[in-house]
Amino acid sequence: MLLNQSIIFNQLSVQEKEFVGEIIELASELATYSFLGILDGTIQIEEEKNKGVIELLFEKDGKSILLNDANDEDLCSIFKSIKD
């Protein structure tokens, strides 16, 4: 499959290759933003009224840091500031 995609891509003009690259970049940014939105709790993954909470922890030497603390800047905003 990857070989066929490579063959087709290599037959594209420079302008078409750039356009495909832009589509890939946009798709990866949207996927990342959506995933971070799920971690932030701004994108719902369940329809129930009583929703769960996703916590992203970094643990080292017996200490834990909550990386998606609702009281801090959300991950989507951090990602957007890096992209802009």
PDB file of N, CA and C in Angstrom:
ATOM      1  N   MET A   1       0.818  -1.182   0.000  1.00  0.00           N
ATOM      2  CA  MET A   1       0.000   0.000   0.000  1.00  0.00           C
ATOM      3  C   MET A   1       0.874   1.263   0.000  1.00  0.00           C
ATOM      4  N   LEU A   2       1.859   1.314   0.871  1.00  0.00           N
ATOM      5  CA  LEU A   2       2.723   2.485   0.949  1.00  0.00           C
ATOM      6  C   LEU A   2       3.497   2.678  -0.360  1.00  0.00           C
ATOM      7  N   LEU A   3       3.906   1.581  -0.975  1.00  0.00           N
ATOM      8  CA  LEU A   3       4.625   1.672  -2.244  1.00  0.00           C
ATOM      9  C   LEU A   3       3.739   2.295  -3.320  1.00  0.00           C
ATOM     10  N   ASN A   4       2.479   1.867  -3.393  1.00  0.00           N
ATOM     11  CA  ASN A   4       1.551   2.433  -4.376  1.00  0.00           C
ATOM     12  C   ASN A   4       1.331   3.928  -4.122  1.00  0.00           C
ATOM     13  N   GLN A   5       1.201   4.309  -2.859  1.00  0.00           N
ATOM     14  CA  GLN A   5       1.019   5.715  -2.528  1.00  0.00           C
ATOM     15  C   GLN A   5       2.247   6.526  -2.930  1.00  0.00           C
ATOM     16  N   SER A   6       3.415   5.960  -2.722  1.00  0.00           N
ATOM     17  CA  SER A   6       4.660   6.636  -3.096  1.00  0.00           C
ATOM     18  C   SER A   6       4.741   6.821  -4.606  1.00  0.00           C
ATOM     19  N   ILE A   7       4.373   5.802  -5.343  1.00  0.00           N
ATOM     20  CA  ILE A   7       4.413   5.872  -6.813  1.00  0.00           C
ATOM     21  C   ILE A   7       3.474   6.971  -7.306  1.00  0.00           C
ATOM     22  N   ILE A   8       2.252   7.004  -6.767  1.00  0.00           N
ATOM     23  CA  ILE A   8       1.278   8.018  -7.175  1.00  0.00           C
ATOM     24  C   ILE A   8       1.765   9.406  -6.787  1.00  0.00           C
ATOM     25  N   PHE A   9       2.267   9.548  -5.556  1.00  0.00           N
ATOM     26  CA  PHE A   9       2.738  10.847  -5.094  1.00  0.00           C
ATOM     27  C   PHE A   9       3.866  11.355  -5.979  1.00  0.00           C
ATOM     28  N   ASN A  10       4.780  10.496  -6.327  1.00  0.00           N
ATOM     29  CA  ASN A  10       5.928  10.906  -7.150  1.00  0.00           C
ATOM     30  C   ASN A  10       5.531  11.315  -8.567  1.00  0.00           C
ATOM     31  N   GLN A  11       4.330  10.936  -8.996  1.00  0.00           N
ATOM     32  CA  GLN A  11       3.841  11.337 -10.316  1.00  0.00           C
ATOM     33  C   GLN A  11       3.169  12.710 -10.290  1.00  0.00           C
ATOM     34  N   LEU A  12       2.944  13.256  -9.112  1.00  0.00           N
ATOM     35  CA  LEU A  12       2.288  14.555  -8.997  1.00  0.00           C
ATOM     36  C   LEU A  12       3.238  15.685  -9.368  1.00  0.00           C
ATOM     37  N   SER A  13       2.648  16.799  -9.777  1.00  0.00           N
ATOM     38  CA  SER A  13       3.453  17.986 -10.053  1.00  0.00           C
ATOM     39  C   SER A  13       3.926  18.579  -8.722  1.00  0.00           C
ATOM     40  N   VAL A  14       4.851  19.501  -8.787  1.00  0.00           N
ATOM     41  CA  VAL A  14       5.364  20.159  -7.578  1.00  0.00           C
ATOM     42  C   VAL A  14       4.217  20.831  -6.832  1.00  0.00           C
ATOM     43  N   GLN A  15       3.348  21.523  -7.562  1.00  0.00           N
ATOM     44  CA  GLN A  15       2.213  22.218  -6.946  1.00  0.00           C
ATOM     45  C   GLN A  15       1.263  21.225  -6.265  1.00  0.00           C
ATOM     46  N   GLU A  16       0.996  20.097  -6.903  1.00  0.00           N
ATOM     47  CA  GLU A  16       0.121  19.077  -6.317  1.00  0.00           C
ATOM     48  C   GLU A  16       0.750  18.461  -5.070  1.00  0.00           C
ATOM     49  N   LYS A  17       2.061  18.246  -5.093  1.00  0.00           N
ATOM     50  CA  LYS A  17       2.756  17.707  -3.923  1.00  0.00           C
ATOM     51  C   LYS A  17       2.669  18.676  -2.751  1.00  0.00           C
ATOM     52  N   GLU A  18       2.817  19.974  -3.040  1.00  0.00           N
ATOM     53  CA  GLU A  18       2.698  20.981  -1.980  1.00  0.00           C
ATOM     54  C   GLU A  18       1.289  20.978  -1.399  1.00  0.00           C
ATOM     55  N   PHE A  19       0.285  20.845  -2.257  1.00  0.00           N
ATOM     56  CA  PHE A  19      -1.106  20.813  -1.811  1.00  0.00           C
ATOM     57  C   PHE A  19      -1.355  19.591  -0.924  1.00  0.00           C
ATOM     58  N   VAL A  20      -0.855  18.436  -1.327  1.00  0.00           N
ATOM     59  CA  VAL A  20      -0.992  17.219  -0.511  1.00  0.00           C
ATOM     60  C   VAL A  20      -0.299  17.419   0.834  1.00  0.00           C
ATOM     61  N   GLY A  21       0.862  18.045   0.829  1.00  0.00           N
ATOM     62  CA  GLY A  21       1.574  18.328   2.082  1.00  0.00           C
ATOM     63  C   GLY A  21       0.755  19.216   3.005  1.00  0.00           C
ATOM     64  N   GLU A  22       0.092  20.222   2.434  1.00  0.00           N
ATOM     65  CA  GLU A  22      -0.757  21.110   3.233  1.00  0.00           C
ATOM     66  C   GLU A  22      -1.932  20.347   3.843  1.00  0.00           C
ATOM     67  N   ILE A  23      -2.518  19.446   3.069  1.00  0.00           N
ATOM     68  CA  ILE A  23      -3.636  18.629   3.570  1.00  0.00           C
ATOM     69  C   ILE A  23      -3.161  17.743   4.719  1.00  0.00           C
ATOM     70  N   ILE A  24      -2.003  17.128   4.565  1.00  0.00           N
ATOM     71  CA  ILE A  24      -1.451  16.260   5.606  1.00  0.00           C
ATOM     72  C   ILE A  24      -1.167  17.062   6.873  1.00  0.00           C
ATOM     73  N   GLU A  25      -0.590  18.250   6.707  1.00  0.00           N
ATOM     74  CA  GLU A  25      -0.286  19.100   7.859  1.00  0.00           C
ATOM     75  C   GLU A  25      -1.570  19.507   8.590  1.00  0.00           C
ATOM     76  N   LEU A  26      -2.590  19.906   7.835  1.00  0.00           N
ATOM     77  CA  LEU A  26      -3.855  20.296   8.445  1.00  0.00           C
ATOM     78  C   LEU A  26      -4.497  19.125   9.178  1.00  0.00           C
ATOM     79  N   ALA A  27      -4.490  17.952   8.557  1.00  0.00           N
ATOM     80  CA  ALA A  27      -5.085  16.770   9.185  1.00  0.00           C
ATOM     81  C   ALA A  27      -4.361  16.403  10.479  1.00  0.00           C
ATOM     82  N   SER A  28      -3.043  16.497  10.481  1.00  0.00           N
ATOM     83  CA  SER A  28      -2.289  16.156  11.691  1.00  0.00           C
ATOM     84  C   SER A  28      -2.526  17.185  12.793  1.00  0.00           C
ATOM     85  N   GLU A  29      -2.641  18.465  12.411  1.00  0.00           N
ATOM     86  CA  GLU A  29      -2.923  19.499  13.402  1.00  0.00           C
ATOM     87  C   GLU A  29      -4.310  19.317  14.005  1.00  0.00           C
ATOM     88  N   LEU A  30      -5.296  19.013  13.178  1.00  0.00           N
ATOM     89  CA  LEU A  30      -6.660  18.807  13.679  1.00  0.00           C
ATOM     90  C   LEU A  30      -6.734  17.579  14.579  1.00  0.00           C
ATOM     91  N   ALA A  31      -6.038  16.515  14.208  1.00  0.00           N
ATOM     92  CA  ALA A  31      -6.027  15.311  15.039  1.00  0.00           C
ATOM     93  C   ALA A  31      -5.378  15.594  16.392  1.00  0.00           C
ATOM     94  N   THR A  32      -4.268  16.313  16.380  1.00  0.00           N
ATOM     95  CA  THR A  32      -3.583  16.662  17.623  1.00  0.00           C
ATOM     96  C   THR A  32      -4.452  17.551  18.486  1.00  0.00           C
ATOM     97  N   TYR A  33      -5.058  18.582  17.876  1.00  0.00           N
ATOM     98  CA  TYR A  33      -5.917  19.510  18.606  1.00  0.00           C
ATOM     99  C   TYR A  33      -7.107  18.776  19.222  1.00  0.00           C
ATOM    100  N   SER A  34      -7.703  17.859  18.459  1.00  0.00           N
ATOM    101  CA  SER A  34      -8.845  17.084  18.971  1.00  0.00           C
ATOM    102  C   SER A  34      -8.432  16.192  20.131  1.00  0.00           C
ATOM    103  N   PHE A  35      -7.288  15.539  20.021  1.00  0.00           N
ATOM    104  CA  PHE A  35      -6.806  14.679  21.101  1.00  0.00           C
ATOM    105  C   PHE A  35      -6.542  15.498  22.362  1.00  0.00           C
ATOM    106  N   LEU A  36      -5.919  16.664  22.191  1.00  0.00           N
ATOM    107  CA  LEU A  36      -5.669  17.529  23.345  1.00  0.00           C
ATOM    108  C   LEU A  36      -6.979  18.034  23.938  1.00  0.00           C
ATOM    109  N   GLY A  37      -7.979  18.287  23.090  1.00  0.00           N
ATOM    110  CA  GLY A  37      -9.297  18.686  23.571  1.00  0.00           C
ATOM    111  C   GLY A  37      -9.948  17.612  24.418  1.00  0.00           C
ATOM    112  N   ILE A  38      -9.731  16.367  24.055  1.00  0.00           N
ATOM    113  CA  ILE A  38     -10.239  15.255  24.868  1.00  0.00           C
ATOM    114  C   ILE A  38      -9.531  15.241  26.217  1.00  0.00           C
ATOM    115  N   LEU A  39      -8.204  15.409  26.207  1.00  0.00           N
ATOM    116  CA  LEU A  39      -7.451  15.443  27.466  1.00  0.00           C
ATOM    117  C   LEU A  39      -7.866  16.633  28.332  1.00  0.00           C
ATOM    118  N   ASP A  40      -8.173  17.771  27.689  1.00  0.00           N
ATOM    119  CA  ASP A  40      -8.597  18.967  28.422  1.00  0.00           C
ATOM    120  C   ASP A  40     -10.020  18.837  28.963  1.00  0.00           C
ATOM    121  N   GLY A  41     -10.805  17.954  28.343  1.00  0.00           N
ATOM    122  CA  GLY A  41     -12.208  17.834  28.727  1.00  0.00           C
ATOM    123  C   GLY A  41     -13.118  18.755  27.955  1.00  0.00           C
ATOM    124  N   THR A  42     -12.596  19.439  26.940  1.00  0.00           N
ATOM    125  CA  THR A  42     -13.415  20.336  26.128  1.00  0.00           C
ATOM    126  C   THR A  42     -14.115  19.612  24.987  1.00  0.00           C
ATOM    127  N   ILE A  43     -13.635  18.433  24.638  1.00  0.00           N
ATOM    128  CA  ILE A  43     -14.293  17.587  23.647  1.00  0.00           C
ATOM    129  C   ILE A  43     -14.790  16.346  24.380  1.00  0.00           C
ATOM    130  N   GLN A  44     -16.079  16.116  24.295  1.00  0.00           N
ATOM    131  CA  GLN A  44     -16.691  15.007  25.022  1.00  0.00           C
ATOM    132  C   GLN A  44     -16.502  13.694  24.271  1.00  0.00           C
ATOM    133  N   ILE A  45     -16.228  12.642  25.031  1.00  0.00           N
ATOM    134  CA  ILE A  45     -16.081  11.321  24.422  1.00  0.00           C
ATOM    135  C   ILE A  45     -17.185  10.376  24.878  1.00  0.00           C
ATOM    136  N   GLU A  46     -18.067  10.880  25.742  1.00  0.00           N
ATOM    137  CA  GLU A  46     -19.199  10.075  26.177  1.00  0.00           C
ATOM    138  C   GLU A  46     -20.428  10.963  26.283  1.00  0.00           C
ATOM    139  N   GLU A  47     -21.583  10.360  26.066  1.00  0.00           N
ATOM    140  CA  GLU A  47     -22.816  11.133  26.022  1.00  0.00           C
ATOM    141  C   GLU A  47     -23.574  11.127  27.343  1.00  0.00           C
ATOM    142  N   GLU A  48     -23.111  10.415  28.317  1.00  0.00           N
ATOM    143  CA  GLU A  48     -23.802  10.323  29.592  1.00  0.00           C
ATOM    144  C   GLU A  48     -23.737  11.652  30.342  1.00  0.00           C
ATOM    145  N   LYS A  49     -24.714  11.874  31.222  1.00  0.00           N
ATOM    146  CA  LYS A  49     -24.714  13.088  32.046  1.00  0.00           C
ATOM    147  C   LYS A  49     -23.584  13.054  33.063  1.00  0.00           C
ATOM    148  N   ASN A  50     -23.330  11.890  33.644  1.00  0.00           N
ATOM    149  CA  ASN A  50     -22.280  11.716  34.643  1.00  0.00           C
ATOM    150  C   ASN A  50     -20.984  11.329  33.912  1.00  0.00           C
ATOM    151  N   LYS A  51     -20.206  12.319  33.520  1.00  0.00           N
ATOM    152  CA  LYS A  51     -19.008  12.079  32.704  1.00  0.00           C
ATOM    153  C   LYS A  51     -17.774  11.818  33.567  1.00  0.00           C
ATOM    154  N   GLY A  52     -16.889  11.027  33.027  1.00  0.00           N
ATOM    155  CA  GLY A  52     -15.624  10.765  33.692  1.00  0.00           C
ATOM    156  C   GLY A  52     -14.620  11.878  33.417  1.00  0.00           C
ATOM    157  N   VAL A  53     -13.481  11.791  34.049  1.00  0.00           N
ATOM    158  CA  VAL A  53     -12.416  12.774  33.894  1.00  0.00           C
ATOM    159  C   VAL A  53     -11.150  12.044  33.466  1.00  0.00           C
ATOM    160  N   ILE A  54     -10.468  12.592  32.472  1.00  0.00           N
ATOM    161  CA  ILE A  54      -9.182  12.037  32.042  1.00  0.00           C
ATOM    162  C   ILE A  54      -8.086  12.868  32.686  1.00  0.00           C
ATOM    163  N   GLU A  55      -7.179  12.209  33.362  1.00  0.00           N
ATOM    164  CA  GLU A  55      -6.057  12.899  33.995  1.00  0.00           C
ATOM    165  C   GLU A  55      -4.757  12.415  33.362  1.00  0.00           C
ATOM    166  N   LEU A  56      -3.951  13.365  32.952  1.00  0.00           N
ATOM    167  CA  LEU A  56      -2.654  13.069  32.358  1.00  0.00           C
ATOM    168  C   LEU A  56      -1.586  13.408  33.390  1.00  0.00           C
ATOM    169  N   LEU A  57      -0.918  12.374  33.886  1.00  0.00           N
ATOM    170  CA  LEU A  57       0.070  12.556  34.955  1.00  0.00           C
ATOM    171  C   LEU A  57       1.481  12.286  34.456  1.00  0.00           C
ATOM    172  N   PHE A  58       2.421  13.081  34.973  1.00  0.00           N
ATOM    173  CA  PHE A  58       3.846  12.800  34.812  1.00  0.00           C
ATOM    174  C   PHE A  58       4.346  12.410  36.189  1.00  0.00           C
ATOM    175  N   GLU A  59       4.925  11.219  36.284  1.00  0.00           N
ATOM    176  CA  GLU A  59       5.413  10.737  37.578  1.00  0.00           C
ATOM    177  C   GLU A  59       6.901  10.465  37.505  1.00  0.00           C
ATOM    178  N   LYS A  60       7.607  10.936  38.555  1.00  0.00           N
ATOM    179  CA  LYS A  60       9.043  10.695  38.640  1.00  0.00           C
ATOM    180  C   LYS A  60       9.459  10.823  40.099  1.00  0.00           C
ATOM    181  N   ASP A  61      10.285   9.910  40.530  1.00  0.00           N
ATOM    182  CA  ASP A  61      10.822   9.923  41.886  1.00  0.00           C
ATOM    183  C   ASP A  61       9.729  10.048  42.948  1.00  0.00           C
ATOM    184  N   GLY A  62       8.619   9.360  42.711  1.00  0.00           N
ATOM    185  CA  GLY A  62       7.532   9.357  43.680  1.00  0.00           C
ATOM    186  C   GLY A  62       6.676  10.610  43.673  1.00  0.00           C
ATOM    187  N   LYS A  63       6.933  11.530  42.749  1.00  0.00           N
ATOM    188  CA  LYS A  63       6.139  12.755  42.653  1.00  0.00           C
ATOM    189  C   LYS A  63       5.303  12.711  41.379  1.00  0.00           C
ATOM    190  N   SER A  64       4.097  13.257  41.467  1.00  0.00           N
ATOM    191  CA  SER A  64       3.194  13.316  40.317  1.00  0.00           C
ATOM    192  C   SER A  64       2.855  14.758  39.984  1.00  0.00           C
ATOM    193  N   ILE A  65       2.826  15.053  38.694  1.00  0.00           N
ATOM    194  CA  ILE A  65       2.414  16.369  38.218  1.00  0.00           C
ATOM    195  C   ILE A  65       1.254  16.149  37.256  1.00  0.00           C
ATOM    196  N   LEU A  66       0.123  16.809  37.546  1.00  0.00           N
ATOM    197  CA  LEU A  66      -1.039  16.740  36.669  1.00  0.00           C
ATOM    198  C   LEU A  66      -0.814  17.695  35.509  1.00  0.00           C
ATOM    199  N   LEU A  67      -0.685  17.153  34.298  1.00  0.00           N
ATOM    200  CA  LEU A  67      -0.349  17.974  33.136  1.00  0.00           C
ATOM    201  C   LEU A  67      -1.559  18.655  32.506  1.00  0.00           C
ATOM    202  N   ASN A  68      -2.744  18.137  32.783  1.00  0.00           N
ATOM    203  CA  ASN A  68      -3.944  18.753  32.223  1.00  0.00           C
ATOM    204  C   ASN A  68      -4.865  19.244  33.339  1.00  0.00           C
ATOM    205  N   ASP A  69      -4.286  19.987  34.246  1.00  0.00           N
ATOM    206  CA  ASP A  69      -5.023  20.551  35.377  1.00  0.00           C
ATOM    207  C   ASP A  69      -6.021  21.589  34.862  1.00  0.00           C
ATOM    208  N   ALA A  70      -7.286  21.443  35.242  1.00  0.00           N
ATOM    209  CA  ALA A  70      -8.340  22.359  34.784  1.00  0.00           C
ATOM    210  C   ALA A  70      -8.101  23.790  35.258  1.00  0.00           C
ATOM    211  N   ASN A  71      -7.282  23.978  36.289  1.00  0.00           N
ATOM    212  CA  ASN A  71      -6.993  25.315  36.804  1.00  0.00           C
ATOM    213  C   ASN A  71      -5.839  26.002  36.063  1.00  0.00           C
ATOM    214  N   ASP A  72      -5.146  25.266  35.204  1.00  0.00           N
ATOM    215  CA  ASP A  72      -4.031  25.818  34.431  1.00  0.00           C
ATOM    216  C   ASP A  72      -4.472  26.050  32.985  1.00  0.00           C
ATOM    217  N   GLU A  73      -3.580  26.613  32.189  1.00  0.00           N
ATOM    218  CA  GLU A  73      -3.879  26.815  30.773  1.00  0.00           C
ATOM    219  C   GLU A  73      -4.128  25.457  30.110  1.00  0.00           C
ATOM    220  N   ASP A  74      -5.179  25.392  29.288  1.00  0.00           N
ATOM    221  CA  ASP A  74      -5.498  24.100  28.677  1.00  0.00           C
ATOM    222  C   ASP A  74      -4.491  23.755  27.575  1.00  0.00           C
ATOM    223  N   LEU A  75      -4.379  22.465  27.322  1.00  0.00           N
ATOM    224  CA  LEU A  75      -3.391  21.964  26.369  1.00  0.00           C
ATOM    225  C   LEU A  75      -3.659  22.464  24.951  1.00  0.00           C
ATOM    226  N   CYS A  76      -4.939  22.623  24.588  1.00  0.00           N
ATOM    227  CA  CYS A  76      -5.279  23.139  23.258  1.00  0.00           C
ATOM    228  C   CYS A  76      -4.725  24.548  23.063  1.00  0.00           C
ATOM    229  N   SER A  77      -4.837  25.382  24.086  1.00  0.00           N
ATOM    230  CA  SER A  77      -4.323  26.754  23.988  1.00  0.00           C
ATOM    231  C   SER A  77      -2.808  26.763  23.857  1.00  0.00           C
ATOM    232  N   ILE A  78      -2.150  25.899  24.594  1.00  0.00           N
ATOM    233  CA  ILE A  78      -0.691  25.805  24.503  1.00  0.00           C
ATOM    234  C   ILE A  78      -0.283  25.367  23.101  1.00  0.00           C
ATOM    235  N   PHE A  79      -0.959  24.351  22.570  1.00  0.00           N
ATOM    236  CA  PHE A  79      -0.665  23.862  21.223  1.00  0.00           C
ATOM    237  C   PHE A  79      -0.906  24.959  20.188  1.00  0.00           C
ATOM    238  N   LYS A  80      -2.029  25.675  20.318  1.00  0.00           N
ATOM    239  CA  LYS A  80      -2.359  26.747  19.380  1.00  0.00           C
ATOM    240  C   LYS A  80      -1.310  27.860  19.431  1.00  0.00           C
ATOM    241  N   SER A  81      -0.821  28.178  20.622  1.00  0.00           N
ATOM    242  CA  SER A  81       0.197  29.228  20.726  1.00  0.00           C
ATOM    243  C   SER A  81       1.512  28.823  20.090  1.00  0.00           C
ATOM    244  N   ILE A  82       1.801  27.538  20.121  1.00  0.00           N
ATOM    245  CA  ILE A  82       3.018  27.034  19.477  1.00  0.00           C
ATOM    246  C   ILE A  82       2.866  27.073  17.955  1.00  0.00           C
ATOM    247  N   LYS A  83       1.673  26.729  17.464  1.00  0.00           N
ATOM    248  CA  LYS A  83       1.415  26.685  16.017  1.00  0.00           C
ATOM    249  C   LYS A  83       1.328  28.066  15.412  1.00  0.00           C
ATOM    250  N   ASP A  84       0.882  29.054  16.167  1.00  0.00           N
ATOM    251  CA  ASP A  84       0.705  30.419  15.632  1.00  0.00           C
ATOM    252  C   ASP A  84       1.983  31.145  15.623  1.00  0.00           C
TER     253      ASP A  84
END
